[in-house]
Amino acid sequence: MRILAIDPSSNQKNTSTTGIVLLDNAKLVDYWVVSYGISGFRKWMEDVGEDIECDVVVIEKFEARDNDKSKDNSVLQTIAYIQLHFPDAILQRNAGYQTDIPNELLKRLGLWKFEKSHHQDVRAAARLGLFYALRNDIKEVIDDIGRVVHGNMEKY
């Protein structure tokens, strides 16, 4: 199963980045640190995204905040733009994803260190993709994780 997982950025803060990973089951195929907002994602789509083949696209679901003076709900604009290109994309809440996909697992899978991004957005995207697979019982991804955890690296 090829999973394209996306941690969307702000559409206002130019220091924000969108983290994107392409996984083949639990193995990293490629990753990208994309400059902020719609314009950054548009350029990535033109340069790379249009040629990507995947089975599912998972986008981190963003829930608007009303009570924070420094709120930045422009992430919703970025998500809406991403959905124009991937209309079947799944919006996945990340609640519980650090518990289900702990740091040690990401390290064992080689999904820990990436090019610097705003808030480890690529790592967050990798965690999100695995979390989606785990929460939806996608057998081939879970089997791949098991092979790594139990030391059978023949597929890698």
C-alpha atoms as a PDB file:
ATOM      1  CA  MET A   1       0.000   0.000   0.000  1.00  0.00           C
ATOM      2  CA  ARG A   2       1.432   3.332  -1.050  1.00  0.00           C
ATOM      3  CA  ILE A   3       0.391   6.103   1.327  1.00  0.00           C
ATOM      4  CA  LEU A   4       0.922   9.785   0.612  1.00  0.00           C
ATOM      5  CA  ALA A   5       0.673  11.530   3.980  1.00  0.00           C
ATOM      6  CA  ILE A   6       0.543  15.297   4.300  1.00  0.00           C
ATOM      7  CA  ASP A   7       0.966  17.575   7.315  1.00  0.00           C
ATOM      8  CA  PRO A   8      -0.393  20.889   5.914  1.00  0.00           C
ATOM      9  CA  SER A   9       1.073  24.279   6.704  1.00  0.00           C
ATOM     10  CA  SER A  10      -0.284  27.682   7.485  1.00  0.00           C
ATOM     11  CA  ASN A  11      -1.277  29.771   4.512  1.00  0.00           C
ATOM     12  CA  GLN A  12      -0.079  32.928   6.325  1.00  0.00           C
ATOM     13  CA  LYS A  13       3.155  32.237   8.209  1.00  0.00           C
ATOM     14  CA  ASN A  14       6.002  32.123   5.724  1.00  0.00           C
ATOM     15  CA  THR A  15       8.137  30.109   8.172  1.00  0.00           C
ATOM     16  CA  SER A  16       5.583  27.308   8.151  1.00  0.00           C
ATOM     17  CA  THR A  17       6.151  24.225   5.987  1.00  0.00           C
ATOM     18  CA  THR A  18       4.054  21.381   4.654  1.00  0.00           C
ATOM     19  CA  GLY A  19       5.562  17.981   5.360  1.00  0.00           C
ATOM     20  CA  ILE A  20       4.858  15.236   2.828  1.00  0.00           C
ATOM     21  CA  VAL A  21       5.931  11.588   2.821  1.00  0.00           C
ATOM     22  CA  LEU A  22       5.341   8.760   0.414  1.00  0.00           C
ATOM     23  CA  LEU A  23       5.350   5.383   2.130  1.00  0.00           C
ATOM     24  CA  ASP A  24       5.311   1.933   0.599  1.00  0.00           C
ATOM     25  CA  ASN A  25       3.723   0.077   3.478  1.00  0.00           C
ATOM     26  CA  ALA A  26       6.010   1.133   6.367  1.00  0.00           C
ATOM     27  CA  LYS A  27       9.023   1.960   4.188  1.00  0.00           C
ATOM     28  CA  LEU A  28       9.922   5.489   3.154  1.00  0.00           C
ATOM     29  CA  VAL A  29       9.902   6.017  -0.605  1.00  0.00           C
ATOM     30  CA  ASP A  30      10.479   9.783  -0.573  1.00  0.00           C
ATOM     31  CA  TYR A  31       9.726  12.935   1.383  1.00  0.00           C
ATOM     32  CA  TRP A  32       9.428  16.658   0.804  1.00  0.00           C
ATOM     33  CA  VAL A  33       9.586  19.819   2.897  1.00  0.00           C
ATOM     34  CA  VAL A  34       7.299  22.178   0.987  1.00  0.00           C
ATOM     35  CA  SER A  35       7.243  25.920   1.506  1.00  0.00           C
ATOM     36  CA  TYR A  36       4.205  27.350   3.197  1.00  0.00           C
ATOM     37  CA  GLY A  37       0.621  27.533   2.075  1.00  0.00           C
ATOM     38  CA  ILE A  38      -1.171  27.193  -1.195  1.00  0.00           C
ATOM     39  CA  SER A  39       1.634  28.639  -3.313  1.00  0.00           C
ATOM     40  CA  GLY A  40       4.176  26.159  -1.918  1.00  0.00           C
ATOM     41  CA  PHE A  41       1.855  23.210  -2.461  1.00  0.00           C
ATOM     42  CA  ARG A  42       0.991  24.419  -5.970  1.00  0.00           C
ATOM     43  CA  LYS A  43       4.698  24.460  -6.899  1.00  0.00           C
ATOM     44  CA  TRP A  44       5.219  21.000  -5.367  1.00  0.00           C
ATOM     45  CA  MET A  45       2.261  19.647  -7.365  1.00  0.00           C
ATOM     46  CA  GLU A  46       3.706  21.064 -10.599  1.00  0.00           C
ATOM     47  CA  ASP A  47       7.219  19.780  -9.887  1.00  0.00           C
ATOM     48  CA  VAL A  48       6.486  16.436  -8.223  1.00  0.00           C
ATOM     49  CA  GLY A  49       2.958  15.761  -7.054  1.00  0.00           C
ATOM     50  CA  GLU A  50       1.250  15.235 -10.388  1.00  0.00           C
ATOM     51  CA  ASP A  51       3.444  12.196 -11.093  1.00  0.00           C
ATOM     52  CA  ILE A  52       3.031  10.442  -7.746  1.00  0.00           C
ATOM     53  CA  GLU A  53       1.195   7.144  -7.733  1.00  0.00           C
ATOM     54  CA  CYS A  54      -0.365   6.158  -4.449  1.00  0.00           C
ATOM     55  CA  ASP A  55      -3.274   4.147  -3.105  1.00  0.00           C
ATOM     56  CA  VAL A  56      -4.421   6.660  -0.522  1.00  0.00           C
ATOM     57  CA  VAL A  57      -3.772  10.278   0.431  1.00  0.00           C
ATOM     58  CA  VAL A  58      -4.040  11.153   4.103  1.00  0.00           C
ATOM     59  CA  ILE A  59      -4.109  14.771   5.267  1.00  0.00           C
ATOM     60  CA  GLU A  60      -3.876  15.804   8.892  1.00  0.00           C
ATOM     61  CA  LYS A  61      -7.266  17.147   9.896  1.00  0.00           C
ATOM     62  CA  PHE A  62      -7.109  20.640  11.311  1.00  0.00           C
ATOM     63  CA  GLU A  63      -9.753  21.856  13.692  1.00  0.00           C
ATOM     64  CA  ALA A  64     -10.305  25.597  13.815  1.00  0.00           C
ATOM     65  CA  ARG A  65      -9.514  27.321  17.079  1.00  0.00           C
ATOM     66  CA  ASP A  66     -11.730  30.079  18.432  1.00  0.00           C
ATOM     67  CA  ASN A  67     -10.236  30.819  21.831  1.00  0.00           C
ATOM     68  CA  ASP A  68      -6.599  31.580  20.979  1.00  0.00           C
ATOM     69  CA  LYS A  69      -5.579  35.156  20.165  1.00  0.00           C
ATOM     70  CA  SER A  70      -2.698  33.898  18.039  1.00  0.00           C
ATOM     71  CA  LYS A  71      -4.877  31.416  16.163  1.00  0.00           C
ATOM     72  CA  ASP A  72      -4.021  30.692  12.562  1.00  0.00           C
ATOM     73  CA  ASN A  73      -6.899  28.930  10.887  1.00  0.00           C
ATOM     74  CA  SER A  74      -5.404  29.500   7.437  1.00  0.00           C
ATOM     75  CA  VAL A  75      -4.306  25.854   7.494  1.00  0.00           C
ATOM     76  CA  LEU A  76      -7.893  25.163   6.408  1.00  0.00           C
ATOM     77  CA  GLN A  77      -7.196  27.084   3.185  1.00  0.00           C
ATOM     78  CA  THR A  78      -4.143  24.944   2.493  1.00  0.00           C
ATOM     79  CA  ILE A  79      -6.138  21.774   3.141  1.00  0.00           C
ATOM     80  CA  ALA A  80      -8.917  22.912   0.804  1.00  0.00           C
ATOM     81  CA  TYR A  81      -6.361  23.516  -1.937  1.00  0.00           C
ATOM     82  CA  ILE A  82      -4.767  20.094  -1.393  1.00  0.00           C
ATOM     83  CA  GLN A  83      -8.219  18.521  -1.649  1.00  0.00           C
ATOM     84  CA  LEU A  84      -8.700  20.115  -5.072  1.00  0.00           C
ATOM     85  CA  HIS A  85      -5.810  17.959  -6.275  1.00  0.00           C
ATOM     86  CA  PHE A  86      -6.662  14.904  -4.190  1.00  0.00           C
ATOM     87  CA  PRO A  87     -10.474  14.942  -3.881  1.00  0.00           C
ATOM     88  CA  ASP A  88     -10.558  11.454  -2.347  1.00  0.00           C
ATOM     89  CA  ALA A  89      -8.039  12.372   0.348  1.00  0.00           C
ATOM     90  CA  ILE A  90      -8.862  11.290   3.869  1.00  0.00           C
ATOM     91  CA  LEU A  91      -8.788  13.865   6.655  1.00  0.00           C
ATOM     92  CA  GLN A  92      -7.292  12.067   9.653  1.00  0.00           C
ATOM     93  CA  ARG A  93      -7.347  13.434  13.184  1.00  0.00           C
ATOM     94  CA  ASN A  94      -4.002  13.035  14.889  1.00  0.00           C
ATOM     95  CA  ALA A  95      -5.400  12.553  18.397  1.00  0.00           C
ATOM     96  CA  GLY A  96      -3.499   9.647  19.928  1.00  0.00           C
ATOM     97  CA  TYR A  97      -1.014   9.262  17.116  1.00  0.00           C
ATOM     98  CA  GLN A  98       2.057   9.754  19.305  1.00  0.00           C
ATOM     99  CA  THR A  99       0.834   7.003  21.601  1.00  0.00           C
ATOM    100  CA  ASP A 100      -0.013   4.580  18.796  1.00  0.00           C
ATOM    101  CA  ILE A 101       3.107   5.390  16.749  1.00  0.00           C
ATOM    102  CA  PRO A 102       5.771   6.153  19.385  1.00  0.00           C
ATOM    103  CA  ASN A 103       9.083   7.864  18.657  1.00  0.00           C
ATOM    104  CA  GLU A 104      11.042   4.622  19.057  1.00  0.00           C
ATOM    105  CA  LEU A 105       8.996   2.987  16.312  1.00  0.00           C
ATOM    106  CA  LEU A 106       9.621   5.898  13.943  1.00  0.00           C
ATOM    107  CA  LYS A 107      13.342   5.616  14.695  1.00  0.00           C
ATOM    108  CA  ARG A 108      13.352   1.853  14.011  1.00  0.00           C
ATOM    109  CA  LEU A 109      11.526   2.419  10.727  1.00  0.00           C
ATOM    110  CA  GLY A 110      13.983   5.141   9.635  1.00  0.00           C
ATOM    111  CA  LEU A 111      11.257   7.777   9.783  1.00  0.00           C
ATOM    112  CA  TRP A 112      12.801  10.018  12.415  1.00  0.00           C
ATOM    113  CA  LYS A 113      15.427  12.294  10.867  1.00  0.00           C
ATOM    114  CA  PHE A 114      14.530  14.480   7.931  1.00  0.00           C
ATOM    115  CA  GLU A 115      15.591  17.813   6.487  1.00  0.00           C
ATOM    116  CA  LYS A 116      14.714  20.559   8.947  1.00  0.00           C
ATOM    117  CA  SER A 117      11.157  21.780   8.695  1.00  0.00           C
ATOM    118  CA  HIS A 118       9.095  24.202  10.745  1.00  0.00           C
ATOM    119  CA  HIS A 119       7.770  21.790  13.378  1.00  0.00           C
ATOM    120  CA  GLN A 120       9.136  18.425  12.226  1.00  0.00           C
ATOM    121  CA  ASP A 121       6.334  18.407   9.660  1.00  0.00           C
ATOM    122  CA  VAL A 122       7.798  15.510   7.666  1.00  0.00           C
ATOM    123  CA  ARG A 123       8.067  13.353  10.777  1.00  0.00           C
ATOM    124  CA  ALA A 124       4.484  14.312  11.624  1.00  0.00           C
ATOM    125  CA  ALA A 125       3.363  13.284   8.129  1.00  0.00           C
ATOM    126  CA  ALA A 126       5.130   9.910   8.454  1.00  0.00           C
ATOM    127  CA  ARG A 127       3.533   9.331  11.848  1.00  0.00           C
ATOM    128  CA  LEU A 128       0.142  10.311  10.413  1.00  0.00           C
ATOM    129  CA  GLY A 129       0.417   7.859   7.507  1.00  0.00           C
ATOM    130  CA  LEU A 130       1.297   4.968   9.807  1.00  0.00           C
ATOM    131  CA  PHE A 131      -1.385   6.022  12.287  1.00  0.00           C
ATOM    132  CA  TYR A 132      -4.003   5.968   9.531  1.00  0.00           C
ATOM    133  CA  ALA A 133      -2.880   2.477   8.491  1.00  0.00           C
ATOM    134  CA  LEU A 134      -2.936   1.208  12.062  1.00  0.00           C
ATOM    135  CA  ARG A 135      -6.328   2.690  12.883  1.00  0.00           C
ATOM    136  CA  ASN A 136      -7.789   1.233   9.689  1.00  0.00           C
ATOM    137  CA  ASP A 137      -6.196  -2.207  10.082  1.00  0.00           C
ATOM    138  CA  ILE A 138      -4.298  -2.067   6.790  1.00  0.00           C
ATOM    139  CA  LYS A 139      -2.677  -5.480   7.007  1.00  0.00           C
ATOM    140  CA  GLU A 140       0.277  -4.999   4.672  1.00  0.00           C
ATOM    141  CA  VAL A 141       1.453  -1.907   6.552  1.00  0.00           C
ATOM    142  CA  ILE A 142       1.000  -3.556   9.948  1.00  0.00           C
ATOM    143  CA  ASP A 143       2.870  -6.648   8.703  1.00  0.00           C
ATOM    144  CA  ASP A 144       5.729  -4.426   7.505  1.00  0.00           C
ATOM    145  CA  ILE A 145       5.932  -2.741  10.905  1.00  0.00           C
ATOM    146  CA  GLY A 146       5.979  -6.189  12.523  1.00  0.00           C
ATOM    147  CA  ARG A 147       8.870  -7.323  10.310  1.00  0.00           C
ATOM    148  CA  VAL A 148      10.960  -4.372  11.440  1.00  0.00           C
ATOM    149  CA  VAL A 149      10.041  -4.662  15.108  1.00  0.00           C
ATOM    150  CA  HIS A 150      10.751  -8.394  15.164  1.00  0.00           C
ATOM    151  CA  GLY A 151      14.010  -8.080  13.244  1.00  0.00           C
ATOM    152  CA  ASN A 152      13.054  -9.716   9.949  1.00  0.00           C
ATOM    153  CA  MET A 153      14.478  -7.179   7.524  1.00  0.00           C
ATOM    154  CA  GLU A 154      14.332  -9.315   4.365  1.00  0.00           C
ATOM    155  CA  LYS A 155      11.953  -6.883   2.647  1.00  0.00           C
ATOM    156  CA  TYR A 156      14.251  -3.964   3.363  1.00  0.00           C
END
